[in-house]
N, C-alpha and C. Protein backbone atom coordinates (compact mmCIF):
# COMPACT_ATOMS: atom_id res chain seq x y z
N MET A 1 5.38 -54.07 -29.07
CA MET A 1 6.27 -54.13 -27.94
C MET A 1 5.46 -53.88 -26.67
N VAL A 2 5.78 -54.60 -25.63
CA VAL A 2 5.04 -54.52 -24.38
C VAL A 2 5.74 -53.50 -23.47
N SER A 3 4.96 -52.62 -22.93
CA SER A 3 5.54 -51.62 -22.02
C SER A 3 5.84 -52.26 -20.66
N TYR A 4 6.61 -51.54 -19.86
CA TYR A 4 6.99 -52.04 -18.54
C TYR A 4 5.76 -52.26 -17.66
N ASP A 5 4.83 -51.34 -17.72
CA ASP A 5 3.61 -51.46 -16.90
C ASP A 5 2.79 -52.68 -17.31
N GLU A 6 2.67 -52.91 -18.65
CA GLU A 6 1.92 -54.08 -19.11
C GLU A 6 2.60 -55.37 -18.69
N LYS A 7 3.91 -55.38 -18.78
CA LYS A 7 4.67 -56.57 -18.39
C LYS A 7 4.45 -56.87 -16.91
N GLN A 8 4.52 -55.85 -16.07
CA GLN A 8 4.32 -56.05 -14.64
C GLN A 8 2.90 -56.55 -14.34
N ARG A 9 1.92 -55.99 -15.06
CA ARG A 9 0.53 -56.41 -14.85
C ARG A 9 0.34 -57.87 -15.27
N LEU A 10 0.93 -58.24 -16.41
CA LEU A 10 0.81 -59.62 -16.87
C LEU A 10 1.49 -60.59 -15.91
N LEU A 11 2.66 -60.24 -15.42
CA LEU A 11 3.35 -61.11 -14.48
C LEU A 11 2.55 -61.24 -13.18
N ARG A 12 1.96 -60.15 -12.71
CA ARG A 12 1.16 -60.18 -11.49
C ARG A 12 -0.08 -61.06 -11.70
N ASP A 13 -0.75 -60.88 -12.85
CA ASP A 13 -1.95 -61.67 -13.12
C ASP A 13 -1.63 -63.15 -13.33
N PHE A 14 -0.44 -63.42 -13.88
CA PHE A 14 -0.04 -64.80 -14.11
C PHE A 14 0.05 -65.56 -12.79
N HIS A 15 0.54 -64.92 -11.75
CA HIS A 15 0.67 -65.59 -10.46
C HIS A 15 -0.68 -65.82 -9.79
N HIS A 16 -1.68 -65.08 -10.19
CA HIS A 16 -3.01 -65.24 -9.61
C HIS A 16 -3.90 -66.16 -10.45
N GLU A 17 -3.34 -66.73 -11.52
CA GLU A 17 -4.09 -67.63 -12.41
C GLU A 17 -4.45 -68.90 -11.65
N PRO A 18 -5.71 -69.32 -11.69
CA PRO A 18 -6.10 -70.52 -10.95
C PRO A 18 -5.74 -71.80 -11.71
N ALA A 19 -4.45 -72.09 -11.81
CA ALA A 19 -4.00 -73.30 -12.51
C ALA A 19 -3.46 -74.26 -11.47
N TRP A 20 -4.32 -75.13 -10.98
CA TRP A 20 -3.91 -76.10 -9.99
C TRP A 20 -3.31 -77.30 -10.70
N ALA A 21 -2.35 -77.89 -10.07
CA ALA A 21 -1.66 -79.03 -10.65
C ALA A 21 -2.62 -80.19 -10.91
N LEU A 22 -3.51 -80.41 -9.99
CA LEU A 22 -4.47 -81.50 -10.16
C LEU A 22 -5.38 -81.26 -11.36
N GLY A 23 -5.79 -80.02 -11.56
CA GLY A 23 -6.64 -79.69 -12.71
C GLY A 23 -5.94 -79.92 -14.03
N VAL A 24 -4.66 -79.56 -14.08
CA VAL A 24 -3.89 -79.75 -15.30
C VAL A 24 -3.73 -81.24 -15.59
N VAL A 25 -3.44 -82.02 -14.56
CA VAL A 25 -3.27 -83.47 -14.73
C VAL A 25 -4.58 -84.10 -15.19
N LEU A 26 -5.68 -83.68 -14.61
CA LEU A 26 -6.98 -84.23 -15.00
C LEU A 26 -7.33 -83.88 -16.45
N LYS A 27 -7.02 -82.66 -16.87
CA LYS A 27 -7.27 -82.28 -18.26
C LYS A 27 -6.43 -83.13 -19.21
N CYS A 28 -5.16 -83.34 -18.88
CA CYS A 28 -4.30 -84.16 -19.73
C CYS A 28 -4.81 -85.61 -19.79
N ALA A 29 -5.23 -86.13 -18.64
CA ALA A 29 -5.74 -87.50 -18.59
C ALA A 29 -7.01 -87.62 -19.43
N ALA A 30 -7.88 -86.62 -19.35
CA ALA A 30 -9.11 -86.65 -20.15
C ALA A 30 -8.80 -86.64 -21.64
N CYS A 31 -7.85 -85.82 -22.03
CA CYS A 31 -7.47 -85.78 -23.46
C CYS A 31 -6.88 -87.11 -23.91
N LEU A 32 -6.04 -87.70 -23.07
CA LEU A 32 -5.46 -89.01 -23.42
C LEU A 32 -6.53 -90.08 -23.51
N LEU A 33 -7.51 -90.04 -22.64
CA LEU A 33 -8.60 -91.01 -22.71
C LEU A 33 -9.41 -90.85 -23.99
N ILE A 34 -9.61 -89.62 -24.39
CA ILE A 34 -10.34 -89.38 -25.65
C ILE A 34 -9.55 -89.95 -26.82
N LEU A 35 -8.23 -89.72 -26.83
CA LEU A 35 -7.40 -90.26 -27.91
C LEU A 35 -7.42 -91.79 -27.92
N VAL A 36 -7.35 -92.39 -26.75
CA VAL A 36 -7.41 -93.85 -26.66
C VAL A 36 -8.76 -94.35 -27.15
N GLY A 37 -9.82 -93.63 -26.81
CA GLY A 37 -11.15 -94.01 -27.29
C GLY A 37 -11.24 -93.98 -28.81
N PHE A 38 -10.67 -92.94 -29.42
CA PHE A 38 -10.67 -92.87 -30.89
C PHE A 38 -9.87 -94.03 -31.48
N ALA A 39 -8.74 -94.37 -30.85
CA ALA A 39 -7.93 -95.48 -31.35
C ALA A 39 -8.69 -96.79 -31.25
N VAL A 40 -9.38 -97.01 -30.14
CA VAL A 40 -10.14 -98.25 -29.97
C VAL A 40 -11.27 -98.32 -30.99
N ILE A 41 -11.94 -97.21 -31.21
CA ILE A 41 -13.02 -97.19 -32.21
C ILE A 41 -12.46 -97.51 -33.59
N GLY A 42 -11.32 -96.93 -33.91
CA GLY A 42 -10.70 -97.20 -35.21
C GLY A 42 -10.29 -98.64 -35.38
N ILE A 43 -9.73 -99.22 -34.33
CA ILE A 43 -9.29 -100.62 -34.41
C ILE A 43 -10.48 -101.55 -34.54
N THR A 44 -11.53 -101.32 -33.76
CA THR A 44 -12.69 -102.22 -33.84
C THR A 44 -13.40 -102.08 -35.17
N THR A 45 -13.45 -100.86 -35.70
CA THR A 45 -14.07 -100.67 -37.01
C THR A 45 -13.27 -101.39 -38.08
N ASP A 46 -11.94 -101.31 -37.99
CA ASP A 46 -11.08 -101.98 -38.96
C ASP A 46 -11.22 -103.49 -38.86
N LEU A 47 -11.29 -104.02 -37.64
CA LEU A 47 -11.45 -105.46 -37.47
C LEU A 47 -12.80 -105.93 -38.00
N GLN A 48 -13.84 -105.14 -37.76
CA GLN A 48 -15.16 -105.51 -38.26
C GLN A 48 -15.21 -105.49 -39.78
N SER A 49 -14.55 -104.51 -40.39
CA SER A 49 -14.57 -104.46 -41.85
C SER A 49 -13.75 -105.60 -42.44
N ASP A 50 -12.64 -105.98 -41.76
CA ASP A 50 -11.86 -107.13 -42.22
C ASP A 50 -12.67 -108.42 -42.09
N ALA A 51 -13.38 -108.56 -40.98
CA ALA A 51 -14.20 -109.77 -40.78
C ALA A 51 -15.32 -109.82 -41.81
N HIS A 52 -15.92 -108.66 -42.08
CA HIS A 52 -17.01 -108.61 -43.05
C HIS A 52 -16.49 -108.93 -44.45
N SER A 53 -15.34 -108.37 -44.82
CA SER A 53 -14.81 -108.64 -46.15
C SER A 53 -14.31 -110.08 -46.25
N GLY A 54 -13.83 -110.65 -45.14
CA GLY A 54 -13.41 -112.06 -45.14
C GLY A 54 -14.59 -112.98 -45.33
N ALA A 55 -15.71 -112.66 -44.68
CA ALA A 55 -16.91 -113.48 -44.84
C ALA A 55 -17.45 -113.35 -46.26
N ALA A 56 -17.35 -112.16 -46.81
CA ALA A 56 -17.82 -111.97 -48.18
C ALA A 56 -16.93 -112.73 -49.16
N ALA A 57 -15.64 -112.80 -48.86
CA ALA A 57 -14.72 -113.51 -49.75
C ALA A 57 -14.97 -115.01 -49.70
N GLU A 58 -15.28 -115.53 -48.51
CA GLU A 58 -15.54 -116.96 -48.40
C GLU A 58 -16.87 -117.33 -49.05
N GLY A 59 -17.90 -116.57 -48.77
CA GLY A 59 -19.22 -116.89 -49.28
C GLY A 59 -19.48 -116.32 -50.65
N GLY A 60 -18.73 -115.32 -51.04
CA GLY A 60 -19.01 -114.65 -52.29
C GLY A 60 -17.88 -114.78 -53.29
N SER A 61 -17.28 -115.95 -53.41
CA SER A 61 -16.18 -116.11 -54.36
C SER A 61 -16.67 -115.95 -55.79
N ARG A 62 -17.93 -116.24 -56.03
CA ARG A 62 -18.51 -116.06 -57.36
C ARG A 62 -18.54 -114.58 -57.73
N THR A 63 -18.83 -113.74 -56.74
CA THR A 63 -18.85 -112.30 -56.98
C THR A 63 -17.46 -111.80 -57.34
N ILE A 64 -16.44 -112.29 -56.63
CA ILE A 64 -15.07 -111.87 -56.92
C ILE A 64 -14.67 -112.31 -58.31
N LYS A 65 -15.02 -113.55 -58.70
CA LYS A 65 -14.68 -114.02 -60.04
C LYS A 65 -15.40 -113.19 -61.09
N LYS A 66 -16.64 -112.81 -60.80
CA LYS A 66 -17.40 -111.98 -61.74
C LYS A 66 -16.75 -110.61 -61.86
N GLU A 67 -16.29 -110.05 -60.75
CA GLU A 67 -15.62 -108.76 -60.79
C GLU A 67 -14.33 -108.85 -61.56
N ARG A 68 -13.57 -109.90 -61.36
CA ARG A 68 -12.32 -110.06 -62.09
C ARG A 68 -12.58 -110.22 -63.57
N ALA A 69 -13.62 -110.94 -63.93
CA ALA A 69 -13.96 -111.12 -65.34
C ALA A 69 -14.34 -109.78 -65.95
N SER A 70 -15.06 -108.95 -65.20
CA SER A 70 -15.44 -107.64 -65.74
C SER A 70 -14.21 -106.75 -65.89
N VAL A 71 -13.24 -106.88 -65.00
CA VAL A 71 -12.00 -106.10 -65.12
C VAL A 71 -11.25 -106.52 -66.36
N VAL A 72 -11.17 -107.83 -66.61
CA VAL A 72 -10.49 -108.32 -67.80
C VAL A 72 -11.22 -107.84 -69.06
N GLU A 73 -12.54 -107.89 -69.01
CA GLU A 73 -13.32 -107.43 -70.16
C GLU A 73 -13.11 -105.93 -70.40
N SER A 74 -13.09 -105.16 -69.35
CA SER A 74 -12.86 -103.72 -69.49
C SER A 74 -11.47 -103.44 -70.03
N ARG A 75 -10.48 -104.19 -69.56
CA ARG A 75 -9.12 -104.01 -70.04
C ARG A 75 -9.03 -104.32 -71.52
N ASN A 76 -9.69 -105.40 -71.96
CA ASN A 76 -9.67 -105.75 -73.39
C ASN A 76 -10.34 -104.67 -74.23
N ALA A 77 -11.46 -104.14 -73.75
CA ALA A 77 -12.13 -103.07 -74.49
C ALA A 77 -11.24 -101.84 -74.56
N PHE A 78 -10.55 -101.52 -73.49
CA PHE A 78 -9.65 -100.38 -73.48
C PHE A 78 -8.51 -100.57 -74.47
N GLU A 79 -7.93 -101.76 -74.48
CA GLU A 79 -6.83 -102.04 -75.41
C GLU A 79 -7.29 -101.94 -76.87
N GLU A 80 -8.50 -102.43 -77.16
CA GLU A 80 -9.02 -102.34 -78.52
C GLU A 80 -9.22 -100.88 -78.93
N ARG A 81 -9.79 -100.08 -78.03
CA ARG A 81 -10.00 -98.66 -78.34
C ARG A 81 -8.68 -97.93 -78.52
N ARG A 82 -7.72 -98.26 -77.68
CA ARG A 82 -6.42 -97.60 -77.81
C ARG A 82 -5.75 -97.97 -79.13
N ALA A 83 -5.86 -99.24 -79.52
CA ALA A 83 -5.27 -99.67 -80.79
C ALA A 83 -5.95 -98.95 -81.95
N ARG A 84 -7.30 -98.82 -81.89
CA ARG A 84 -8.00 -98.09 -82.95
C ARG A 84 -7.58 -96.63 -82.97
N PHE A 85 -7.46 -96.01 -81.80
CA PHE A 85 -7.09 -94.61 -81.73
C PHE A 85 -5.68 -94.39 -82.27
N GLU A 86 -4.75 -95.26 -81.88
CA GLU A 86 -3.38 -95.13 -82.36
C GLU A 86 -3.31 -95.36 -83.86
N GLY A 87 -4.12 -96.29 -84.36
CA GLY A 87 -4.15 -96.53 -85.81
C GLY A 87 -4.68 -95.33 -86.56
N GLN A 88 -5.70 -94.65 -86.02
CA GLN A 88 -6.26 -93.47 -86.68
C GLN A 88 -5.33 -92.28 -86.56
N SER A 89 -4.65 -92.14 -85.42
CA SER A 89 -3.80 -90.96 -85.24
C SER A 89 -2.51 -91.07 -86.02
N THR A 90 -2.01 -92.29 -86.29
CA THR A 90 -0.76 -92.43 -87.06
C THR A 90 -1.04 -92.48 -88.54
N ALA A 91 -2.21 -92.92 -88.97
CA ALA A 91 -2.50 -93.04 -90.40
C ALA A 91 -2.46 -91.68 -91.11
N PRO A 92 -3.11 -90.64 -90.66
CA PRO A 92 -3.03 -89.36 -91.36
C PRO A 92 -1.61 -88.79 -91.38
N GLN A 93 -0.83 -89.03 -90.37
CA GLN A 93 0.54 -88.53 -90.35
C GLN A 93 1.36 -89.22 -91.42
N CYS A 94 1.17 -90.52 -91.61
CA CYS A 94 1.91 -91.27 -92.61
C CYS A 94 1.50 -90.81 -94.00
N GLN A 95 0.21 -90.56 -94.22
CA GLN A 95 -0.25 -90.14 -95.53
C GLN A 95 0.23 -88.75 -95.85
N ALA A 96 0.33 -87.90 -94.88
CA ALA A 96 0.78 -86.53 -95.13
C ALA A 96 2.26 -86.51 -95.45
N ALA A 97 3.02 -87.46 -94.97
CA ALA A 97 4.45 -87.50 -95.22
C ALA A 97 4.74 -87.94 -96.64
N HIS A 98 3.86 -88.71 -97.28
CA HIS A 98 4.10 -89.21 -98.64
C HIS A 98 3.82 -88.16 -99.61
């Protein structure tokens, strides 16, 4: 809790604070410019990465097909392993039930 004397001192010091309106406006403008700068950097980086990936897609369609083929191959290997695992995990349960 703030005592009466502290409150009076704080109020007195508050009025002597060097907060000029122009300074506050300039600080806000500087912060907004920084935010706009970050947004511009983000947009240009995103556009450059899209352009780069678009060029890679046009010139590197063979790479994309190779990647898709490897995904299909990996999926098939996964399905085979899962089928083997399910076959092994259900077989002992069936034998134990008999």
